[in-house]
Amino acid sequence: MHTILLVEDNELNRDMLSRRLQRKGYAVALAEDGEKGVAVAKAEKPDLILMDLSLPVLDGWEAIRLLKQSPETKPIPIIALTAHAMAQDRDRAYEAGCDDFDTKPVELDRLLGKMEALLNK
């Protein structure tokens, strides 16, 4: 079973997506801000991270940079999840180091396809 770290500050989004992922057979760890997301990633070494970009304490772009700079978390694939759907937002997420990008509201089948592609690399 793969473990997914979901870093999402919106409680409703966090609860809904985590339940949907669990029904698909994933174990889900949660963090509600970028700083906690980095800490949980280092402690639990998830197989993949779903990172919101607009987060309190430490935004998702900076959290991604920190994770990709650390040898212990650099190999973990990260999918940026955001309502920011502009091309420059996508470019900025890739520049920070994310491995893929998806928009909200989440289309589960599309997201699962991206997750499986990264998990099966």
C-alpha atoms as a PDB file:
ATOM      1  CA  MET A   1       0.000   0.000   0.000  1.00  0.00           C
ATOM      2  CA  HIS A   2       1.346   3.415  -0.980  1.00  0.00           C
ATOM      3  CA  THR A   3       1.342   6.253   1.536  1.00  0.00           C
ATOM      4  CA  ILE A   4       0.292   9.678   0.281  1.00  0.00           C
ATOM      5  CA  LEU A   5       0.979  12.891   2.188  1.00  0.00           C
ATOM      6  CA  LEU A   6      -1.802  15.398   1.565  1.00  0.00           C
ATOM      7  CA  VAL A   7      -0.803  18.960   2.473  1.00  0.00           C
ATOM      8  CA  GLU A   8      -3.993  21.023   2.352  1.00  0.00           C
ATOM      9  CA  ASP A   9      -5.152  23.865   4.601  1.00  0.00           C
ATOM     10  CA  ASN A  10      -8.859  23.657   3.738  1.00  0.00           C
ATOM     11  CA  GLU A  11     -10.373  21.141   6.151  1.00  0.00           C
ATOM     12  CA  LEU A  12     -13.260  20.225   3.857  1.00  0.00           C
ATOM     13  CA  ASN A  13     -10.933  19.604   0.881  1.00  0.00           C
ATOM     14  CA  ARG A  14      -8.487  17.682   3.086  1.00  0.00           C
ATOM     15  CA  ASP A  15     -11.220  15.446   4.514  1.00  0.00           C
ATOM     16  CA  MET A  16     -12.937  14.804   1.182  1.00  0.00           C
ATOM     17  CA  LEU A  17      -9.776  13.987  -0.776  1.00  0.00           C
ATOM     18  CA  SER A  18      -8.236  11.879   1.983  1.00  0.00           C
ATOM     19  CA  ARG A  19     -11.393   9.742   2.222  1.00  0.00           C
ATOM     20  CA  ARG A  20     -11.513   9.299  -1.552  1.00  0.00           C
ATOM     21  CA  LEU A  21      -7.848   8.252  -1.635  1.00  0.00           C
ATOM     22  CA  GLN A  22      -8.340   5.811   1.240  1.00  0.00           C
ATOM     23  CA  ARG A  23     -11.258   4.207  -0.623  1.00  0.00           C
ATOM     24  CA  LYS A  24      -8.857   3.684  -3.546  1.00  0.00           C
ATOM     25  CA  GLY A  25      -6.465   1.785  -1.244  1.00  0.00           C
ATOM     26  CA  TYR A  26      -3.954   4.474  -0.268  1.00  0.00           C
ATOM     27  CA  ALA A  27      -2.769   5.228   3.249  1.00  0.00           C
ATOM     28  CA  VAL A  28      -3.008   8.991   3.794  1.00  0.00           C
ATOM     29  CA  ALA A  29      -0.957  11.233   6.082  1.00  0.00           C
ATOM     30  CA  LEU A  30      -2.161  14.802   6.553  1.00  0.00           C
ATOM     31  CA  ALA A  31      -0.704  18.252   7.151  1.00  0.00           C
ATOM     32  CA  GLU A  32      -2.548  21.564   7.181  1.00  0.00           C
ATOM     33  CA  ASP A  33       0.318  23.923   6.370  1.00  0.00           C
ATOM     34  CA  GLY A  34       3.611  23.876   4.489  1.00  0.00           C
ATOM     35  CA  GLU A  35       5.804  23.753   7.582  1.00  0.00           C
ATOM     36  CA  LYS A  36       3.970  20.708   8.963  1.00  0.00           C
ATOM     37  CA  GLY A  37       4.007  19.179   5.484  1.00  0.00           C
ATOM     38  CA  VAL A  38       7.808  19.354   5.365  1.00  0.00           C
ATOM     39  CA  ALA A  39       8.058  17.905   8.890  1.00  0.00           C
ATOM     40  CA  VAL A  40       5.652  15.024   8.144  1.00  0.00           C
ATOM     41  CA  ALA A  41       7.450  14.262   4.863  1.00  0.00           C
ATOM     42  CA  LYS A  42      10.802  14.018   6.662  1.00  0.00           C
ATOM     43  CA  ALA A  43       9.368  11.903   9.489  1.00  0.00           C
ATOM     44  CA  GLU A  44       7.150   9.534   7.512  1.00  0.00           C
ATOM     45  CA  LYS A  45       8.828   9.374   4.061  1.00  0.00           C
ATOM     46  CA  PRO A  46       5.576   9.053   2.059  1.00  0.00           C
ATOM     47  CA  ASP A  47       5.594   7.529  -1.413  1.00  0.00           C
ATOM     48  CA  LEU A  48       4.079  10.694  -2.933  1.00  0.00           C
ATOM     49  CA  ILE A  49       3.070  14.185  -1.797  1.00  0.00           C
ATOM     50  CA  LEU A  50       0.008  16.156  -2.891  1.00  0.00           C
ATOM     51  CA  MET A  51       0.881  19.784  -2.096  1.00  0.00           C
ATOM     52  CA  ASP A  52      -1.530  22.703  -2.091  1.00  0.00           C
ATOM     53  CA  LEU A  53       0.311  25.876  -3.076  1.00  0.00           C
ATOM     54  CA  SER A  54      -1.636  28.504  -1.102  1.00  0.00           C
ATOM     55  CA  LEU A  55      -0.814  27.422   2.440  1.00  0.00           C
ATOM     56  CA  PRO A  56      -0.381  29.241   5.740  1.00  0.00           C
ATOM     57  CA  VAL A  57       2.910  29.412   7.684  1.00  0.00           C
ATOM     58  CA  LEU A  58       5.006  28.229   4.711  1.00  0.00           C
ATOM     59  CA  ASP A  59       3.497  28.335   1.216  1.00  0.00           C
ATOM     60  CA  GLY A  60       3.527  25.302  -1.035  1.00  0.00           C
ATOM     61  CA  TRP A  61       6.130  26.694  -3.425  1.00  0.00           C
ATOM     62  CA  GLU A  62       8.656  27.133  -0.599  1.00  0.00           C
ATOM     63  CA  ALA A  63       7.735  23.781   0.971  1.00  0.00           C
ATOM     64  CA  ILE A  64       8.410  22.079  -2.375  1.00  0.00           C
ATOM     65  CA  ARG A  65      11.784  23.847  -2.640  1.00  0.00           C
ATOM     66  CA  LEU A  66      12.768  22.711   0.854  1.00  0.00           C
ATOM     67  CA  LEU A  67      11.704  19.120   0.195  1.00  0.00           C
ATOM     68  CA  LYS A  68      13.592  18.972  -3.101  1.00  0.00           C
ATOM     69  CA  GLN A  69      16.748  20.470  -1.514  1.00  0.00           C
ATOM     70  CA  SER A  70      16.865  17.827   1.216  1.00  0.00           C
ATOM     71  CA  PRO A  71      18.584  14.538   0.264  1.00  0.00           C
ATOM     72  CA  GLU A  72      16.133  12.554   2.406  1.00  0.00           C
ATOM     73  CA  THR A  73      12.989  13.919   0.708  1.00  0.00           C
ATOM     74  CA  LYS A  74      14.272  14.871  -2.753  1.00  0.00           C
ATOM     75  CA  PRO A  75      13.258  11.523  -4.347  1.00  0.00           C
ATOM     76  CA  ILE A  76       9.628  11.786  -3.179  1.00  0.00           C
ATOM     77  CA  PRO A  77       7.426  12.808  -6.128  1.00  0.00           C
ATOM     78  CA  ILE A  78       5.298  15.897  -5.529  1.00  0.00           C
ATOM     79  CA  ILE A  79       2.117  16.871  -7.342  1.00  0.00           C
ATOM     80  CA  ALA A  80       1.137  20.507  -6.850  1.00  0.00           C
ATOM     81  CA  LEU A  81      -2.619  20.818  -6.288  1.00  0.00           C
ATOM     82  CA  THR A  82      -4.029  24.287  -6.681  1.00  0.00           C
ATOM     83  CA  ALA A  83      -6.902  26.473  -7.763  1.00  0.00           C
ATOM     84  CA  HIS A  84      -4.232  28.665  -9.427  1.00  0.00           C
ATOM     85  CA  ALA A  85      -4.660  27.413 -12.983  1.00  0.00           C
ATOM     86  CA  MET A  86      -2.695  30.062 -14.860  1.00  0.00           C
ATOM     87  CA  ALA A  87       0.326  29.046 -16.933  1.00  0.00           C
ATOM     88  CA  GLN A  88       2.661  31.124 -14.762  1.00  0.00           C
ATOM     89  CA  ASP A  89       1.431  29.292 -11.639  1.00  0.00           C
ATOM     90  CA  ARG A  90       2.186  25.968 -13.283  1.00  0.00           C
ATOM     91  CA  ASP A  91       5.614  27.205 -14.387  1.00  0.00           C
ATOM     92  CA  ARG A  92       6.368  28.502 -10.901  1.00  0.00           C
ATOM     93  CA  ALA A  93       5.407  25.134  -9.364  1.00  0.00           C
ATOM     94  CA  TYR A  94       7.684  23.250 -11.767  1.00  0.00           C
ATOM     95  CA  GLU A  95      10.507  25.715 -11.066  1.00  0.00           C
ATOM     96  CA  ALA A  96      10.073  25.022  -7.337  1.00  0.00           C
ATOM     97  CA  GLY A  97      10.618  21.327  -8.095  1.00  0.00           C
ATOM     98  CA  CYS A  98       7.236  19.641  -8.303  1.00  0.00           C
ATOM     99  CA  ASP A  99       6.978  16.571 -10.522  1.00  0.00           C
ATOM    100  CA  ASP A 100       3.454  17.253 -11.780  1.00  0.00           C
ATOM    101  CA  PHE A 101       0.654  19.780 -11.448  1.00  0.00           C
ATOM    102  CA  ASP A 102      -3.104  19.436 -11.126  1.00  0.00           C
ATOM    103  CA  THR A 103      -5.903  21.908 -10.602  1.00  0.00           C
ATOM    104  CA  LYS A 104      -8.791  22.131  -8.180  1.00  0.00           C
ATOM    105  CA  PRO A 105     -11.502  21.176  -8.024  1.00  0.00           C
ATOM    106  CA  VAL A 106      -9.882  17.755  -8.144  1.00  0.00           C
ATOM    107  CA  GLU A 107     -10.961  15.432 -10.921  1.00  0.00           C
ATOM    108  CA  LEU A 108     -10.147  12.168  -9.131  1.00  0.00           C
ATOM    109  CA  ASP A 109      -9.554   9.938 -12.167  1.00  0.00           C
ATOM    110  CA  ARG A 110      -7.150  12.443 -13.703  1.00  0.00           C
ATOM    111  CA  LEU A 111      -5.293  12.893 -10.393  1.00  0.00           C
ATOM    112  CA  LEU A 112      -5.087   9.127  -9.828  1.00  0.00           C
ATOM    113  CA  GLY A 113      -3.574   8.720 -13.301  1.00  0.00           C
ATOM    114  CA  LYS A 114      -0.885  11.265 -12.499  1.00  0.00           C
ATOM    115  CA  MET A 115      -0.231   9.663  -9.119  1.00  0.00           C
ATOM    116  CA  GLU A 116       0.106   6.168 -10.581  1.00  0.00           C
ATOM    117  CA  ALA A 117       2.456   7.392 -13.312  1.00  0.00           C
ATOM    118  CA  LEU A 118       4.793   8.854 -10.673  1.00  0.00           C
ATOM    119  CA  LEU A 119       4.465   5.930  -8.262  1.00  0.00           C
ATOM    120  CA  ASN A 120       5.298   3.427 -11.004  1.00  0.00           C
ATOM    121  CA  LYS A 121       8.456   5.212 -12.242  1.00  0.00           C
END
